[in-house]
Amino acid sequence: MPGAGACLTQGLAPVEQLKSDWDISLTPAVPPSVAILLYLSRKYEVPDHWYPQDLQACARVDEYLAWQHMGLRSSCTRAMWQKMLFPVFLGESVPPETLASTLAELDRCLQVLEDKFLKDQDFLTGPHISVADLVAITELMHPVSAGCQVFKSRPKLAAWYKRVEAAVGEDLFQEAHAVVMKAKDLPPADTALKAKLKPLVQVLLQ
């Protein structure tokens, strides 16, 4: 898909405008990334494939976005924290059975991603890339940053990963995930930050 990355960059460029027309105070602790993507796709004239106007095509995107929040996103977040951030950043040990359960849940979610959404298509909701693919690949890069080989034994997902990277553009793709891929290099958290993160730790260990 030549030029897809350029179209995305051009269409979603005015992110700074969010500071004036998005009430971030509604969700101060958790940036509403999906809501922001949909907002930008509606406000600015991005190519239709990102969030289609066709009702059936749009419903397929919405179906994925509704599932991913408590499905893929939850397991990816827990995998990254339990496998990397707890021991490296917080100096906290994770019970082996807890990590094993989390990785098993991640594997189940990957199977759903392949079987229910990707199937034999090029992208998650059809022949063209959409915001569903952007959200999914972003979530998957979290466990990847922690050393989870999520694509190694899944050639279908690995091929999809390459198509998403090519559609967005390799440079833009790498730039978008640079921060999460460097999370393993974070210095250890100090006592005050550990105390602040304690409620989150308790949730992510459940």
Protein backbone atom coordinates (compact mmCIF):
# COMPACT_ATOMS: atom_id res chain seq x y z
CA MET A 1 0.00 0.00 0.00
CA PRO A 2 2.30 2.77 -1.23
CA GLY A 3 1.94 6.03 0.57
CA ALA A 4 -0.21 4.72 3.40
CA GLY A 5 2.22 5.95 6.01
CA ALA A 6 2.32 9.35 4.39
CA CYS A 7 -1.49 9.49 4.33
CA LEU A 8 -1.68 8.57 8.00
CA THR A 9 0.93 11.14 8.97
CA GLN A 10 -0.79 13.83 6.94
CA GLY A 11 -4.24 12.95 8.18
CA LEU A 12 -3.42 12.55 11.86
CA ALA A 13 -0.79 15.26 12.13
CA PRO A 14 -2.73 17.91 14.13
CA VAL A 15 -2.40 16.04 17.42
CA GLU A 16 -1.47 19.27 19.22
CA GLN A 17 -5.00 20.49 18.45
CA LEU A 18 -6.20 17.95 21.03
CA LYS A 19 -4.93 20.22 23.78
CA SER A 20 -7.58 22.77 22.90
CA ASP A 21 -10.54 20.67 21.76
CA TRP A 22 -10.25 17.41 23.77
CA ASP A 23 -11.22 17.44 27.44
CA ILE A 24 -8.38 15.25 28.72
CA SER A 25 -9.61 15.90 32.28
CA LEU A 26 -12.35 13.34 31.65
CA THR A 27 -9.78 10.55 31.85
CA PRO A 28 -6.68 12.03 33.48
CA ALA A 29 -5.08 8.75 34.56
CA VAL A 30 -5.56 6.70 31.40
CA PRO A 31 -5.16 8.44 28.04
CA PRO A 32 -8.18 7.40 25.90
CA SER A 33 -6.08 6.26 22.93
CA VAL A 34 -8.90 4.52 21.02
CA ALA A 35 -11.24 7.46 21.55
CA ILE A 36 -8.54 9.84 20.33
CA LEU A 37 -7.89 7.76 17.20
CA LEU A 38 -11.57 7.71 16.32
CA TYR A 39 -11.91 11.42 17.09
CA LEU A 40 -9.03 12.28 14.78
CA SER A 41 -10.26 10.00 12.01
CA ARG A 42 -13.66 11.71 12.10
CA LYS A 43 -12.48 15.29 12.44
CA TYR A 44 -9.76 15.20 9.80
CA GLU A 45 -10.05 13.86 6.28
CA VAL A 46 -8.09 10.63 6.63
CA PRO A 47 -8.55 7.92 3.99
CA ASP A 48 -11.75 5.98 4.55
CA HIS A 49 -10.03 2.64 5.20
CA TRP A 50 -8.79 3.79 8.62
CA TYR A 51 -12.34 4.00 10.00
CA PRO A 52 -14.82 3.18 7.20
CA GLN A 53 -18.11 4.96 6.70
CA ASP A 54 -19.64 1.78 5.30
CA LEU A 55 -21.74 0.40 8.16
CA GLN A 56 -20.63 -3.24 7.89
CA ALA A 57 -16.95 -2.38 7.50
CA CYS A 58 -17.18 0.07 10.40
CA ALA A 59 -18.93 -2.55 12.54
CA ARG A 60 -16.01 -4.94 12.03
CA VAL A 61 -13.59 -2.29 13.28
CA ASP A 62 -15.85 -1.49 16.23
CA GLU A 63 -16.15 -5.19 17.06
CA TYR A 64 -12.40 -5.50 17.40
CA LEU A 65 -12.06 -2.29 19.42
CA ALA A 66 -14.79 -3.45 21.81
CA TRP A 67 -13.05 -6.80 22.37
CA GLN A 68 -9.47 -5.65 22.64
CA HIS A 69 -9.87 -3.52 25.75
CA MET A 70 -10.52 -6.46 28.07
CA GLY A 71 -8.95 -9.03 25.77
CA LEU A 72 -5.66 -8.35 24.04
CA ARG A 73 -4.91 -5.10 25.81
CA SER A 74 -5.34 -6.56 29.27
CA SER A 75 -3.16 -9.61 28.65
CA CYS A 76 -0.46 -7.61 26.85
CA THR A 77 -0.26 -5.06 29.64
CA ARG A 78 -0.04 -7.71 32.33
CA ALA A 79 2.59 -9.66 30.40
CA MET A 80 4.84 -6.62 30.03
CA TRP A 81 4.55 -5.61 33.68
CA GLN A 82 4.88 -9.08 35.16
CA LYS A 83 7.70 -10.25 32.90
CA MET A 84 9.76 -7.04 32.80
CA LEU A 85 8.60 -3.96 34.70
CA PHE A 86 7.93 -5.58 38.07
CA PRO A 87 11.38 -7.19 38.40
CA VAL A 88 13.41 -4.55 36.51
CA PHE A 89 11.65 -1.27 37.26
CA LEU A 90 10.02 -1.96 40.63
CA GLY A 91 12.30 -4.66 41.99
CA GLU A 92 9.25 -6.83 42.72
CA SER A 93 9.23 -10.58 42.22
CA VAL A 94 6.28 -12.16 40.43
CA PRO A 95 5.09 -15.63 41.47
CA PRO A 96 5.93 -18.06 38.65
CA GLU A 97 2.37 -19.38 38.58
CA THR A 98 1.02 -15.83 38.15
CA LEU A 99 3.30 -15.13 35.19
CA ALA A 100 2.53 -18.53 33.66
CA SER A 101 -1.21 -17.83 33.91
CA THR A 102 -0.78 -14.42 32.32
CA LEU A 103 1.27 -15.80 29.42
CA ALA A 104 -1.30 -18.54 28.88
CA GLU A 105 -4.03 -15.91 28.72
CA LEU A 106 -1.95 -13.91 26.24
CA ASP A 107 -1.61 -17.02 24.08
CA ARG A 108 -5.39 -17.51 24.15
CA CYS A 109 -5.91 -13.90 23.09
CA LEU A 110 -3.44 -14.31 20.24
CA GLN A 111 -5.42 -17.33 19.06
CA VAL A 112 -8.64 -15.28 19.10
CA LEU A 113 -6.86 -12.52 17.19
CA GLU A 114 -5.86 -15.02 14.50
CA ASP A 115 -9.03 -17.10 14.33
CA LYS A 116 -11.79 -14.53 14.81
CA PHE A 117 -10.33 -11.31 13.43
CA LEU A 118 -7.41 -11.90 11.09
CA LYS A 119 -8.59 -15.21 9.60
CA ASP A 120 -7.21 -15.37 6.04
CA GLN A 121 -7.39 -11.63 5.45
CA ASP A 122 -4.54 -9.19 4.94
CA PHE A 123 -5.65 -7.09 7.92
CA LEU A 124 -7.84 -7.58 10.97
CA THR A 125 -11.08 -6.29 9.46
CA GLY A 126 -10.57 -6.90 5.75
CA PRO A 127 -8.26 -6.20 2.82
CA HIS A 128 -7.21 -2.75 4.03
CA ILE A 129 -5.47 -1.51 7.16
CA SER A 130 -7.65 0.23 9.75
CA VAL A 131 -7.39 1.71 13.22
CA ALA A 132 -8.05 -1.82 14.52
CA ASP A 133 -4.65 -2.90 13.18
CA LEU A 134 -2.93 0.13 14.71
CA VAL A 135 -4.44 -0.53 18.12
CA ALA A 136 -3.65 -4.25 17.97
CA ILE A 137 -0.02 -3.87 16.91
CA THR A 138 0.53 -1.22 19.58
CA GLU A 139 -0.72 -3.57 22.27
CA LEU A 140 1.41 -6.45 20.98
CA MET A 141 4.58 -4.39 21.11
CA HIS A 142 4.25 -4.25 24.91
CA PRO A 143 4.94 -7.96 25.52
CA VAL A 144 7.43 -7.90 22.63
CA SER A 145 9.39 -5.23 24.54
CA ALA A 146 9.47 -7.61 27.52
CA GLY A 147 10.96 -10.42 25.45
CA CYS A 148 7.79 -12.36 24.65
CA GLN A 149 8.10 -14.04 21.25
CA VAL A 150 4.49 -13.44 20.24
CA PHE A 151 5.12 -13.86 16.51
CA LYS A 152 7.70 -16.66 16.58
CA SER A 153 5.35 -19.65 16.31
CA ARG A 154 2.56 -17.77 14.56
CA PRO A 155 3.48 -17.23 10.90
CA LYS A 156 0.07 -15.77 10.07
CA LEU A 157 0.45 -13.06 12.73
CA ALA A 158 4.08 -12.51 11.74
CA ALA A 159 3.04 -11.88 8.13
CA TRP A 160 0.31 -9.50 9.31
CA TYR A 161 2.89 -7.65 11.44
CA LYS A 162 5.03 -7.10 8.33
CA ARG A 163 2.05 -5.85 6.33
CA VAL A 164 1.12 -3.36 9.07
CA GLU A 165 4.71 -2.13 9.30
CA ALA A 166 4.90 -1.73 5.51
CA ALA A 167 1.53 0.06 5.33
CA VAL A 168 2.45 2.55 8.04
CA GLY A 169 6.06 2.89 6.90
CA GLU A 170 9.00 1.28 8.65
CA ASP A 171 10.49 4.53 9.98
CA LEU A 172 7.18 5.79 11.37
CA PHE A 173 6.44 2.36 12.82
CA GLN A 174 9.75 2.23 14.66
CA GLU A 175 9.37 5.80 15.88
CA ALA A 176 5.88 5.10 17.22
CA HIS A 177 7.13 2.18 19.32
CA ALA A 178 10.52 3.55 20.35
CA VAL A 179 9.46 4.43 23.90
CA VAL A 180 7.91 1.07 24.77
CA MET A 181 10.82 -0.82 23.22
CA LYS A 182 13.19 1.07 25.53
CA ALA A 183 11.14 0.40 28.68
CA LYS A 184 13.60 -2.32 29.71
CA ASP A 185 16.25 0.39 30.10
CA LEU A 186 14.29 2.38 32.68
CA PRO A 187 16.21 3.09 35.90
CA PRO A 188 14.79 1.50 39.07
CA ALA A 189 11.85 3.38 40.57
CA ASP A 190 12.42 5.30 43.79
CA THR A 191 10.48 4.68 46.99
CA ALA A 192 7.97 7.47 46.38
CA LEU A 193 7.11 6.23 42.89
CA LYS A 194 6.78 2.65 44.12
CA ALA A 195 4.28 3.82 46.73
CA LYS A 196 2.35 5.74 44.11
CA LEU A 197 2.21 2.69 41.84
CA LYS A 198 1.19 0.26 44.59
CA PRO A 199 -2.54 0.23 43.63
CA LEU A 200 -1.58 -0.53 40.02
CA VAL A 201 0.74 -3.30 41.13
CA GLN A 202 -2.05 -4.95 43.08
CA VAL A 203 -4.36 -4.85 40.05
CA LEU A 204 -1.76 -6.22 37.64
CA LEU A 205 -0.92 -9.12 39.94
CA GLN A 206 -4.50 -10.29 40.27
